Amino acid sequence: MYLSSEKKAEIFEKYGKSATNTGSPEGQIALFTYRIKHLTEHLKKNKKDLFTQHSLIRLVGKRRKLLDYLKRKDIERYRAIIKELGLRK
């Protein structure tokens, strides 16, 4: 399994407010980004894996919705997470 509970806790500790605060938008965006990077690497090796490709597109959409929500609610937190994760629109 590529995403252990320890890795999840580490992601939420770094980007969320604490390891147990899994509902913060920043933590969820960071988790989605980690999963997107993993699936992208998988698809580079397995170009015909359409199920994974569909899952990747869904994850990107979920992350985009969370980023839009954060942009509406608090632009400073949005800018901070974009800069920290190295994302671009």
N, C-alpha and C. Protein backbone atom coordinates (compact mmCIF):
# COMPACT_ATOMS: atom_id res chain seq x y z
N MET A 1 0.84 -1.18 0.00
CA MET A 1 0.00 0.00 0.00
C MET A 1 0.89 1.24 0.00
N TYR A 2 0.62 2.15 -0.89
CA TYR A 2 1.49 3.31 -1.04
C TYR A 2 1.22 4.40 -0.02
N LEU A 3 0.04 4.38 0.63
CA LEU A 3 -0.30 5.44 1.57
C LEU A 3 -0.66 4.82 2.92
N SER A 4 0.33 4.77 3.79
CA SER A 4 0.11 4.19 5.11
C SER A 4 -0.51 5.24 6.04
N SER A 5 -1.02 4.78 7.16
CA SER A 5 -1.63 5.70 8.12
C SER A 5 -0.58 6.64 8.71
N GLU A 6 0.67 6.20 8.80
CA GLU A 6 1.72 7.07 9.30
C GLU A 6 1.99 8.21 8.32
N LYS A 7 1.98 7.88 7.02
CA LYS A 7 2.21 8.90 5.99
C LYS A 7 1.06 9.91 5.98
N LYS A 8 -0.18 9.42 6.13
CA LYS A 8 -1.34 10.32 6.20
C LYS A 8 -1.22 11.26 7.38
N ALA A 9 -0.86 10.71 8.54
CA ALA A 9 -0.71 11.53 9.74
C ALA A 9 0.39 12.57 9.55
N GLU A 10 1.45 12.18 8.87
CA GLU A 10 2.55 13.11 8.60
C GLU A 10 2.10 14.26 7.69
N ILE A 11 1.31 13.93 6.68
CA ILE A 11 0.80 14.96 5.76
C ILE A 11 -0.11 15.92 6.50
N PHE A 12 -1.04 15.38 7.31
CA PHE A 12 -1.96 16.24 8.05
C PHE A 12 -1.24 17.05 9.12
N GLU A 13 -0.17 16.49 9.68
CA GLU A 13 0.61 17.23 10.68
C GLU A 13 1.32 18.42 10.04
N LYS A 14 1.83 18.20 8.84
CA LYS A 14 2.60 19.25 8.17
C LYS A 14 1.70 20.34 7.59
N TYR A 15 0.62 19.95 6.90
CA TYR A 15 -0.19 20.93 6.18
C TYR A 15 -1.47 21.31 6.91
N GLY A 16 -2.04 20.39 7.69
CA GLY A 16 -3.22 20.70 8.48
C GLY A 16 -2.79 21.32 9.79
N LYS A 17 -3.71 21.47 10.68
CA LYS A 17 -3.36 22.07 11.96
C LYS A 17 -2.78 21.03 12.93
N SER A 18 -3.22 19.77 12.82
CA SER A 18 -2.67 18.69 13.65
C SER A 18 -2.87 17.38 12.90
N ALA A 19 -2.30 16.31 13.45
CA ALA A 19 -2.39 15.01 12.79
C ALA A 19 -3.81 14.46 12.82
N THR A 20 -4.60 14.89 13.80
CA THR A 20 -5.97 14.38 13.91
C THR A 20 -6.99 15.25 13.21
N ASN A 21 -6.60 16.44 12.76
CA ASN A 21 -7.52 17.34 12.07
C ASN A 21 -7.52 17.02 10.58
N THR A 22 -8.28 16.00 10.22
CA THR A 22 -8.30 15.54 8.83
C THR A 22 -9.30 16.29 7.98
N GLY A 23 -10.05 17.21 8.56
CA GLY A 23 -11.08 17.92 7.82
C GLY A 23 -10.64 19.27 7.29
N SER A 24 -9.44 19.72 7.64
CA SER A 24 -9.01 21.03 7.17
C SER A 24 -8.77 20.99 5.66
N PRO A 25 -9.17 22.03 4.95
CA PRO A 25 -8.99 22.04 3.49
C PRO A 25 -7.52 21.90 3.09
N GLU A 26 -6.62 22.53 3.85
CA GLU A 26 -5.21 22.45 3.49
C GLU A 26 -4.69 21.01 3.58
N GLY A 27 -5.09 20.30 4.63
CA GLY A 27 -4.67 18.90 4.78
C GLY A 27 -5.23 18.02 3.68
N GLN A 28 -6.50 18.23 3.33
CA GLN A 28 -7.11 17.43 2.27
C GLN A 28 -6.46 17.73 0.92
N ILE A 29 -6.18 19.00 0.65
CA ILE A 29 -5.52 19.36 -0.61
C ILE A 29 -4.14 18.72 -0.69
N ALA A 30 -3.40 18.74 0.41
CA ALA A 30 -2.07 18.12 0.43
C ALA A 30 -2.16 16.61 0.22
N LEU A 31 -3.16 15.97 0.83
CA LEU A 31 -3.34 14.54 0.65
C LEU A 31 -3.70 14.21 -0.80
N PHE A 32 -4.61 14.99 -1.39
CA PHE A 32 -4.97 14.78 -2.79
C PHE A 32 -3.76 14.99 -3.70
N THR A 33 -2.94 15.96 -3.39
CA THR A 33 -1.74 16.22 -4.20
C THR A 33 -0.78 15.05 -4.14
N TYR A 34 -0.60 14.48 -2.95
CA TYR A 34 0.26 13.31 -2.80
C TYR A 34 -0.27 12.14 -3.64
N ARG A 35 -1.59 11.91 -3.55
CA ARG A 35 -2.19 10.81 -4.30
C ARG A 35 -2.14 11.06 -5.81
N ILE A 36 -2.30 12.31 -6.23
CA ILE A 36 -2.24 12.65 -7.65
C ILE A 36 -0.84 12.39 -8.20
N LYS A 37 0.18 12.77 -7.44
CA LYS A 37 1.55 12.52 -7.87
C LYS A 37 1.83 11.02 -8.01
N HIS A 38 1.32 10.24 -7.07
CA HIS A 38 1.53 8.79 -7.12
C HIS A 38 0.83 8.20 -8.35
N LEU A 39 -0.41 8.59 -8.59
CA LEU A 39 -1.14 8.06 -9.74
C LEU A 39 -0.53 8.51 -11.06
N THR A 40 0.01 9.71 -11.10
CA THR A 40 0.67 10.19 -12.32
C THR A 40 1.89 9.33 -12.65
N GLU A 41 2.67 9.01 -11.63
CA GLU A 41 3.83 8.14 -11.86
C GLU A 41 3.39 6.75 -12.33
N HIS A 42 2.31 6.25 -11.75
CA HIS A 42 1.78 4.94 -12.16
C HIS A 42 1.36 4.97 -13.63
N LEU A 43 0.70 6.05 -14.04
CA LEU A 43 0.21 6.13 -15.41
C LEU A 43 1.34 6.34 -16.42
N LYS A 44 2.47 6.88 -15.98
CA LYS A 44 3.60 6.99 -16.89
C LYS A 44 4.12 5.61 -17.29
N LYS A 45 4.02 4.65 -16.35
CA LYS A 45 4.48 3.29 -16.62
C LYS A 45 3.40 2.45 -17.29
N ASN A 46 2.13 2.69 -16.91
CA ASN A 46 1.01 1.87 -17.39
C ASN A 46 0.02 2.76 -18.14
N LYS A 47 0.33 3.04 -19.39
CA LYS A 47 -0.44 4.00 -20.16
C LYS A 47 -1.87 3.55 -20.45
N LYS A 48 -2.13 2.26 -20.45
CA LYS A 48 -3.45 1.76 -20.82
C LYS A 48 -4.36 1.48 -19.62
N ASP A 49 -3.96 1.88 -18.46
CA ASP A 49 -4.75 1.66 -17.25
C ASP A 49 -5.83 2.75 -17.16
N LEU A 50 -6.97 2.49 -17.77
CA LEU A 50 -8.02 3.49 -17.88
C LEU A 50 -8.73 3.74 -16.55
N PHE A 51 -8.82 2.74 -15.70
CA PHE A 51 -9.48 2.93 -14.41
C PHE A 51 -8.68 3.91 -13.55
N THR A 52 -7.37 3.76 -13.54
CA THR A 52 -6.52 4.68 -12.79
C THR A 52 -6.59 6.07 -13.39
N GLN A 53 -6.66 6.16 -14.69
CA GLN A 53 -6.78 7.45 -15.36
C GLN A 53 -8.07 8.17 -14.95
N HIS A 54 -9.15 7.42 -14.87
CA HIS A 54 -10.43 7.98 -14.44
C HIS A 54 -10.35 8.43 -12.99
N SER A 55 -9.72 7.63 -12.15
CA SER A 55 -9.56 7.99 -10.74
C SER A 55 -8.72 9.26 -10.58
N LEU A 56 -7.69 9.39 -11.40
CA LEU A 56 -6.84 10.57 -11.36
C LEU A 56 -7.63 11.82 -11.73
N ILE A 57 -8.45 11.73 -12.74
CA ILE A 57 -9.25 12.87 -13.16
C ILE A 57 -10.23 13.27 -12.06
N ARG A 58 -10.83 12.30 -11.38
CA ARG A 58 -11.74 12.60 -10.28
C ARG A 58 -11.01 13.28 -9.12
N LEU A 59 -9.80 12.81 -8.81
CA LEU A 59 -9.02 13.42 -7.72
C LEU A 59 -8.65 14.86 -8.04
N VAL A 60 -8.27 15.11 -9.29
CA VAL A 60 -7.91 16.47 -9.70
C VAL A 60 -9.12 17.38 -9.56
N GLY A 61 -10.30 16.89 -9.92
CA GLY A 61 -11.53 17.67 -9.78
C GLY A 61 -11.85 17.97 -8.33
N LYS A 62 -11.69 16.98 -7.46
CA LYS A 62 -11.95 17.19 -6.03
C LYS A 62 -10.99 18.23 -5.46
N ARG A 63 -9.72 18.12 -5.84
CA ARG A 63 -8.74 19.08 -5.34
C ARG A 63 -9.05 20.49 -5.85
N ARG A 64 -9.48 20.59 -7.10
CA ARG A 64 -9.83 21.90 -7.67
C ARG A 64 -11.00 22.52 -6.92
N LYS A 65 -12.01 21.70 -6.58
CA LYS A 65 -13.16 22.22 -5.83
C LYS A 65 -12.74 22.72 -4.45
N LEU A 66 -11.86 21.97 -3.78
CA LEU A 66 -11.38 22.41 -2.47
C LEU A 66 -10.56 23.70 -2.58
N LEU A 67 -9.76 23.81 -3.62
CA LEU A 67 -8.98 25.02 -3.81
C LEU A 67 -9.89 26.22 -4.09
N ASP A 68 -10.94 26.01 -4.88
CA ASP A 68 -11.90 27.09 -5.14
C ASP A 68 -12.61 27.51 -3.87
N TYR A 69 -12.98 26.54 -3.04
CA TYR A 69 -13.62 26.84 -1.75
C TYR A 69 -12.69 27.67 -0.87
N LEU A 70 -11.44 27.25 -0.78
CA LEU A 70 -10.48 27.96 0.05
C LEU A 70 -10.23 29.36 -0.48
N LYS A 71 -10.21 29.51 -1.80
CA LYS A 71 -10.01 30.82 -2.40
C LYS A 71 -11.16 31.76 -2.06
N ARG A 72 -12.39 31.24 -2.04
CA ARG A 72 -13.55 32.05 -1.69
C ARG A 72 -13.54 32.44 -0.21
N LYS A 73 -13.17 31.51 0.65
CA LYS A 73 -13.26 31.73 2.10
C LYS A 73 -12.10 32.55 2.66
N ASP A 74 -10.87 32.20 2.28
CA ASP A 74 -9.70 32.87 2.84
C ASP A 74 -8.57 32.87 1.82
N ILE A 75 -8.39 33.99 1.13
CA ILE A 75 -7.43 34.07 0.04
C ILE A 75 -5.99 33.89 0.52
N GLU A 76 -5.69 34.30 1.74
CA GLU A 76 -4.33 34.17 2.25
C GLU A 76 -3.95 32.71 2.48
N ARG A 77 -4.87 31.93 3.04
CA ARG A 77 -4.62 30.49 3.23
C ARG A 77 -4.48 29.80 1.87
N TYR A 78 -5.27 30.24 0.90
CA TYR A 78 -5.20 29.69 -0.46
C TYR A 78 -3.82 29.94 -1.06
N ARG A 79 -3.36 31.17 -0.96
CA ARG A 79 -2.04 31.52 -1.52
C ARG A 79 -0.92 30.75 -0.82
N ALA A 80 -1.07 30.58 0.49
CA ALA A 80 -0.03 29.87 1.25
C ALA A 80 0.06 28.40 0.82
N ILE A 81 -1.08 27.74 0.67
CA ILE A 81 -1.05 26.31 0.31
C ILE A 81 -0.58 26.12 -1.13
N ILE A 82 -0.95 27.04 -2.03
CA ILE A 82 -0.50 26.97 -3.42
C ILE A 82 1.03 27.09 -3.47
N LYS A 83 1.56 28.04 -2.72
CA LYS A 83 3.00 28.26 -2.72
C LYS A 83 3.74 27.10 -2.08
N GLU A 84 3.19 26.58 -0.99
CA GLU A 84 3.85 25.50 -0.27
C GLU A 84 3.89 24.19 -1.07
N LEU A 85 2.80 23.90 -1.77
CA LEU A 85 2.73 22.66 -2.55
C LEU A 85 3.29 22.82 -3.97
N GLY A 86 3.49 24.05 -4.39
CA GLY A 86 4.01 24.28 -5.73
C GLY A 86 2.98 24.01 -6.82
N LEU A 87 1.72 24.34 -6.55
CA LEU A 87 0.66 24.13 -7.53
C LEU A 87 0.52 25.35 -8.41
N ARG A 88 -0.11 25.17 -9.54
CA ARG A 88 -0.44 26.28 -10.42
C ARG A 88 -1.80 26.02 -11.03
N LYS A 89 -2.45 27.06 -11.45
CA LYS A 89 -3.80 26.90 -11.99
C LYS A 89 -3.77 26.41 -13.41
